[in-house]
Protein backbone atom coordinates (compact mmCIF):
# COMPACT_ATOMS: atom_id res chain seq x y z
CA MET A 1 22.05 10.40 -46.23
CA SER A 2 18.83 11.10 -48.12
CA SER A 3 18.40 9.75 -51.61
CA ARG A 4 17.58 12.37 -54.18
CA THR A 5 14.50 11.25 -56.13
CA THR A 6 11.95 8.51 -55.57
CA LEU A 7 9.40 7.87 -58.31
CA LEU A 8 6.05 6.76 -56.87
CA ILE A 9 3.73 5.29 -59.51
CA ILE A 10 0.21 4.61 -58.29
CA ASP A 11 -1.79 1.79 -59.93
CA PRO A 12 -0.40 2.00 -63.50
CA GLN A 13 -2.40 -1.09 -64.46
CA ASN A 14 -4.03 -2.30 -67.66
CA ASP A 15 -7.55 -2.19 -66.24
CA PHE A 16 -7.21 1.57 -65.66
CA CYS A 17 -5.74 2.38 -69.08
CA ASP A 18 -7.63 3.23 -72.28
CA LEU A 19 -5.35 0.93 -74.25
CA PRO A 20 -5.75 0.80 -78.03
CA GLU A 21 -6.62 -2.65 -79.35
CA GLY A 22 -3.06 -3.31 -80.50
CA TRP A 23 -1.83 -2.90 -76.93
CA ARG A 24 -4.21 -5.49 -75.49
CA ALA A 25 -3.49 -9.17 -74.97
CA THR A 26 -5.68 -11.72 -76.73
CA ASP A 27 -8.18 -13.50 -74.54
CA PRO A 28 -7.92 -17.11 -75.78
CA LEU A 29 -11.32 -18.06 -74.37
CA ARG A 30 -13.08 -15.38 -76.41
CA ASN A 31 -10.51 -15.14 -79.20
CA ALA A 32 -10.69 -11.38 -78.88
CA PRO A 33 -8.56 -8.62 -77.38
CA ALA A 34 -8.84 -8.31 -73.62
CA ALA A 35 -10.73 -5.22 -72.53
CA PRO A 36 -9.70 -2.93 -69.66
CA ALA A 37 -12.36 -3.10 -66.96
CA LEU A 38 -12.24 0.53 -65.85
CA PRO A 39 -10.34 2.54 -68.48
CA VAL A 40 -9.50 6.13 -67.62
CA SER A 41 -9.60 8.48 -70.59
CA GLY A 42 -6.08 9.68 -71.32
CA ALA A 43 -4.33 7.06 -69.18
CA HIS A 44 -2.57 5.32 -72.09
CA ALA A 45 -1.00 8.61 -73.17
CA ASP A 46 -0.11 9.34 -69.53
CA MET A 47 1.73 6.04 -69.24
CA LEU A 48 3.61 6.55 -72.52
CA ARG A 49 4.87 9.92 -71.24
CA LEU A 50 5.82 8.35 -67.93
CA ALA A 51 7.70 5.50 -69.64
CA ALA A 52 9.61 8.03 -71.75
CA LEU A 53 10.51 9.98 -68.60
CA ILE A 54 11.87 6.84 -66.91
CA ASP A 55 14.01 6.07 -69.97
CA ALA A 56 15.32 9.62 -70.40
CA GLY A 57 15.74 10.53 -66.74
CA GLY A 58 16.16 7.17 -65.07
CA ASP A 59 19.78 7.73 -64.10
CA GLY A 60 18.54 10.49 -61.80
CA ILE A 61 15.93 8.27 -60.16
CA GLU A 62 17.24 6.59 -57.01
CA ARG A 63 14.18 4.44 -56.31
CA ILE A 64 10.93 3.41 -57.99
CA VAL A 65 7.88 2.33 -55.98
CA ILE A 66 4.79 1.00 -57.75
CA THR A 67 1.45 0.41 -56.05
CA LEU A 68 -0.86 -2.26 -57.43
CA ASP A 69 -4.61 -2.37 -56.96
CA SER A 70 -5.09 -6.06 -56.13
CA HIS A 71 -8.69 -7.17 -55.68
CA GLN A 72 -10.63 -10.37 -55.23
CA ARG A 73 -13.56 -10.97 -57.55
CA TYR A 74 -15.82 -11.10 -54.48
CA ASP A 75 -15.37 -7.64 -52.99
CA ILE A 76 -17.66 -5.19 -51.25
CA ALA A 77 -17.09 -2.73 -54.10
CA HIS A 78 -17.82 -5.26 -56.89
CA PRO A 79 -21.19 -6.36 -58.31
CA THR A 80 -20.57 -9.95 -57.14
CA PHE A 81 -21.19 -8.82 -53.55
CA TRP A 82 -24.57 -7.16 -54.08
CA GLN A 83 -28.16 -7.67 -55.18
CA THR A 84 -31.23 -5.47 -55.15
CA GLY A 85 -33.99 -5.96 -52.64
CA GLU A 86 -35.81 -7.96 -55.32
CA GLY A 87 -32.82 -10.21 -55.87
CA GLU A 88 -31.68 -8.63 -59.15
CA ALA A 89 -28.08 -7.87 -60.13
CA VAL A 90 -26.60 -4.50 -59.17
CA ASN A 91 -24.95 -2.70 -62.06
CA PRO A 92 -21.48 -1.19 -61.91
CA PHE A 93 -21.29 2.52 -61.06
CA THR A 94 -24.07 2.20 -58.49
CA ALA A 95 -23.54 4.14 -55.26
CA ILE A 96 -24.90 2.41 -52.16
CA THR A 97 -25.53 4.02 -48.78
CA ALA A 98 -26.21 2.50 -45.38
CA ALA A 99 -29.68 4.06 -45.43
CA GLU A 100 -30.52 2.30 -48.71
CA VAL A 101 -29.38 -1.03 -47.31
CA ARG A 102 -31.46 -0.54 -44.15
CA ALA A 103 -34.44 0.35 -46.34
CA GLY A 104 -34.03 -2.89 -48.27
CA ARG A 105 -33.17 -1.35 -51.62
CA TYR A 106 -29.83 -3.20 -51.73
CA ARG A 107 -28.48 -6.15 -49.75
CA PRO A 108 -25.49 -8.46 -49.77
CA ARG A 109 -25.99 -11.67 -51.73
CA ASP A 110 -24.72 -13.47 -48.64
CA ALA A 111 -27.40 -12.69 -46.05
CA THR A 112 -25.01 -13.42 -43.18
CA ALA A 113 -22.83 -10.51 -44.37
CA LEU A 114 -25.50 -7.89 -43.62
CA PRO A 115 -24.37 -6.86 -40.09
CA ARG A 116 -20.73 -6.47 -41.12
CA THR A 117 -21.76 -4.65 -44.29
CA LEU A 118 -23.81 -2.10 -42.36
CA ASP A 119 -20.99 -1.60 -39.88
CA TYR A 120 -18.66 -0.91 -42.80
CA LEU A 121 -21.02 1.51 -44.56
CA ASP A 122 -21.63 3.41 -41.32
CA ALA A 123 -17.90 3.76 -40.70
CA LEU A 124 -17.20 4.74 -44.30
CA GLU A 125 -19.86 7.43 -44.31
CA GLN A 126 -18.75 8.74 -40.93
CA ALA A 127 -15.22 9.20 -42.32
CA GLY A 128 -16.74 11.45 -44.97
CA ARG A 129 -14.30 10.74 -47.79
CA TYR A 130 -16.35 8.46 -50.03
CA THR A 131 -19.73 6.83 -50.55
CA LEU A 132 -19.46 3.16 -51.46
CA MET A 133 -19.30 2.75 -55.22
CA VAL A 134 -19.91 -0.55 -57.00
CA TRP A 135 -17.19 -0.69 -59.65
CA PRO A 136 -16.80 -3.25 -62.43
CA VAL A 137 -14.65 -6.19 -61.31
CA HIS A 138 -11.17 -4.78 -61.87
CA CYS A 139 -7.52 -5.47 -61.09
CA GLU A 140 -8.44 -9.01 -60.05
CA VAL A 141 -5.32 -10.75 -58.79
CA GLY A 142 -3.97 -13.02 -61.53
CA SER A 143 -5.75 -11.26 -64.39
CA TRP A 144 -4.36 -9.40 -67.40
CA GLY A 145 -6.00 -6.26 -66.07
CA HIS A 146 -3.92 -6.48 -62.89
CA ASN A 147 -0.68 -6.22 -64.91
CA VAL A 148 1.30 -3.00 -65.26
CA HIS A 149 0.91 -1.00 -68.49
CA PRO A 150 3.41 -2.64 -70.88
CA ALA A 151 5.35 0.52 -71.76
CA VAL A 152 5.83 1.42 -68.10
CA LYS A 153 6.89 -2.12 -67.25
CA ALA A 154 9.39 -2.19 -70.12
CA ALA A 155 10.82 1.17 -69.02
CA TYR A 156 11.22 0.18 -65.38
CA ASN A 157 12.72 -3.16 -66.45
CA ARG A 158 15.37 -1.23 -68.40
CA TRP A 159 15.96 0.92 -65.30
CA GLU A 160 16.39 -2.25 -63.22
CA ASP A 161 18.83 -3.68 -65.76
CA ARG A 162 20.94 -0.51 -65.79
CA ARG A 163 21.01 -0.07 -62.03
CA LEU A 164 20.94 -3.76 -61.06
CA GLY A 165 18.09 -2.75 -58.80
CA VAL A 166 14.57 -3.83 -57.94
CA VAL A 167 11.40 -1.81 -58.40
CA GLN A 168 9.39 -2.07 -55.17
CA LYS A 169 5.81 -3.27 -55.68
CA VAL A 170 3.19 -2.54 -53.03
CA SER A 171 -0.11 -4.46 -53.23
CA LYS A 172 -3.31 -3.05 -51.77
CA GLY A 173 -6.97 -3.89 -51.92
CA SER A 174 -7.04 -7.66 -51.36
CA ASN A 175 -9.28 -7.49 -48.29
CA PRO A 176 -12.82 -7.88 -49.70
CA TRP A 177 -14.44 -6.08 -46.75
CA THR A 178 -13.04 -2.60 -47.27
CA GLU A 179 -12.32 -0.22 -50.12
CA HIS A 180 -8.66 0.62 -50.54
CA TYR A 181 -8.24 3.63 -52.82
CA SER A 182 -5.15 4.83 -50.98
CA ALA A 183 -2.05 2.68 -51.19
CA LEU A 184 -1.25 3.76 -47.64
CA GLN A 185 -4.43 2.86 -45.76
CA ALA A 186 -7.83 1.30 -46.44
CA GLU A 187 -10.85 3.57 -46.24
CA VAL A 188 -12.02 1.63 -43.18
CA PRO A 189 -9.06 -0.26 -41.70
CA ASP A 190 -9.77 -3.84 -40.61
CA ALA A 191 -8.55 -4.31 -37.04
CA VAL A 192 -7.35 -7.86 -37.75
CA ASP A 193 -5.66 -7.11 -41.10
CA ALA A 194 -2.37 -5.20 -40.87
CA ASP A 195 -2.37 -4.63 -44.62
CA THR A 196 -5.34 -2.29 -44.24
CA GLN A 197 -3.71 -0.17 -41.51
CA LEU A 198 -1.69 2.97 -42.14
CA ASN A 199 1.58 1.89 -43.81
CA THR A 200 3.90 3.96 -41.65
CA ALA A 201 6.99 2.06 -42.79
CA LEU A 202 6.38 2.92 -46.44
CA ILE A 203 5.62 6.55 -45.61
CA ALA A 204 8.83 6.84 -43.59
CA SER A 205 10.91 5.29 -46.36
CA LEU A 206 9.41 7.62 -48.95
CA ASP A 207 10.27 10.54 -46.71
CA GLU A 208 13.96 9.61 -46.97
CA ALA A 209 13.98 11.06 -50.50
CA GLU A 210 14.59 14.71 -51.20
CA ARG A 211 12.06 14.60 -54.04
CA ILE A 212 9.04 12.30 -54.46
CA VAL A 213 7.77 12.39 -58.04
CA ILE A 214 4.24 11.01 -58.29
CA ALA A 215 2.29 9.63 -61.25
CA GLY A 216 -0.46 7.07 -61.85
CA GLU A 217 -4.17 6.48 -62.19
CA ALA A 218 -6.61 7.83 -61.45
CA SER A 219 -6.04 11.37 -60.21
CA SER A 220 -9.62 11.50 -58.92
CA HIS A 221 -9.40 8.36 -56.82
CA CYS A 222 -6.32 6.25 -56.03
CA VAL A 223 -3.73 8.98 -56.71
CA LYS A 224 -5.80 11.47 -54.77
CA ALA A 225 -6.36 9.19 -51.78
CA THR A 226 -2.74 8.03 -51.63
CA VAL A 227 -1.23 11.51 -51.87
CA GLU A 228 -3.68 12.91 -49.32
CA HIS A 229 -2.57 10.26 -46.84
CA LEU A 230 1.08 10.85 -47.69
CA ALA A 231 0.72 14.60 -47.18
CA GLN A 232 -1.13 14.07 -43.91
CA HIS A 233 1.40 11.66 -42.41
CA LEU A 234 4.78 12.61 -43.92
CA PRO A 235 7.10 12.71 -40.88
CA SER A 236 9.19 15.61 -42.18
CA ARG A 237 6.06 17.64 -43.00
CA ARG A 238 7.98 18.80 -46.08
CA LEU A 239 5.26 18.80 -48.69
CA ASP A 240 7.60 20.68 -51.00
CA LYS A 241 9.16 17.26 -51.64
CA LEU A 242 6.04 16.17 -53.53
CA VAL A 243 6.02 16.69 -57.31
CA LEU A 244 2.80 15.65 -59.04
CA LEU A 245 3.17 14.86 -62.73
CA THR A 246 0.02 16.43 -64.10
CA ASP A 247 0.44 14.87 -67.55
CA ALA A 248 1.04 11.38 -66.13
CA MET A 249 -2.31 11.07 -64.35
CA SER A 250 -5.95 11.52 -65.40
CA PRO A 251 -9.32 11.48 -63.62
CA VAL A 252 -12.17 9.01 -63.95
CA THR A 253 -14.73 10.53 -66.33
CA GLY A 254 -17.28 12.48 -64.31
CA PHE A 255 -14.84 13.11 -61.46
CA GLU A 256 -12.76 15.85 -63.10
CA ALA A 257 -13.77 18.44 -60.50
CA GLN A 258 -12.56 16.22 -57.65
CA ALA A 259 -9.20 15.77 -59.36
CA GLN A 260 -8.76 19.48 -59.95
CA ALA A 261 -9.70 20.30 -56.36
CA PHE A 262 -7.19 17.72 -55.12
CA LEU A 263 -4.36 19.14 -57.21
CA ALA A 264 -5.18 22.69 -56.18
CA ASP A 265 -5.30 21.68 -52.51
CA LEU A 266 -1.93 19.93 -52.64
CA GLN A 267 -0.40 22.90 -54.41
CA ARG A 268 -1.71 25.19 -51.65
CA GLN A 269 -0.07 22.90 -49.09
CA GLY A 270 3.29 23.28 -50.81
CA ALA A 271 3.45 20.44 -53.32
CA ARG A 272 4.61 21.18 -56.85
CA LEU A 273 2.62 20.50 -60.03
CA ALA A 274 4.77 19.80 -63.08
CA THR A 275 4.80 18.03 -66.42
CA CYS A 276 7.13 15.21 -67.39
CA ALA A 277 9.04 17.62 -69.62
CA GLU A 278 9.54 20.02 -66.70
CA VAL A 279 10.80 17.29 -64.36
CA LEU A 280 13.18 15.69 -66.86
CA PRO A 281 15.97 18.33 -66.49
CA LEU A 282 15.85 17.91 -62.70
CA LEU A 283 16.39 14.17 -63.05
CA GLN A 284 19.12 14.61 -65.63
CA ALA A 285 20.92 17.03 -63.34
CA ASP A 286 20.94 14.36 -60.63
CA ALA A 287 22.32 11.64 -62.92
């Protein structure tokens, strides 16, 4: 028998949230509040609305799945991997193409990594979804920034206490040789790393629900990539199951058009766009 509602929360982590200072932990080495590495404008408010929805409608939620961006410091999409042709540091938010690497404008700091790096960039560009972007080091495993937004964590802990259940956590992104926006498959799967391959087991288990309510950060990147893969591979092909919480996700600044195009495309395919307030009565009716 299908469960009614699964809540899928994509990367609701501190590093992606524009947390006010009072919501940040103190970094004892700097004696200052920790700073999110890649804050998305509006994400803190998104997560507060999501936490309130879990508290108010949690009795109608059968299952909660949370994906966690989980990177190494040394990663092909972090500055630690790269240098310019002159040996200088590469700044975050730099896009790098295979042609630029072949021309000598950018190169890996580890010279032995060049052949594998070019193979990766060629495959990434052939897929046509993304150009490699050098992001600030973010969601490093073991860091404060890797942790879940505190209000969301507190809300799902209360849900676990009431239901005597366990929120499922899905890590992605630990392979330093490939970008992993989607929680369901790396941008260029690594043939020797099963964690980068299409996660058919997770997709099939999500499809057991009658309704998959989706929130998280950012709508322009990890939410977009994950939901696109889910829509593409959902065994039932019932995209009407997907409910995207438009006020519990926000785009990276500068990528608003990509987020809007993604939402419009999913709506055309049959998914529903809704606010937390619009979904709450549905959850309460299932309680």
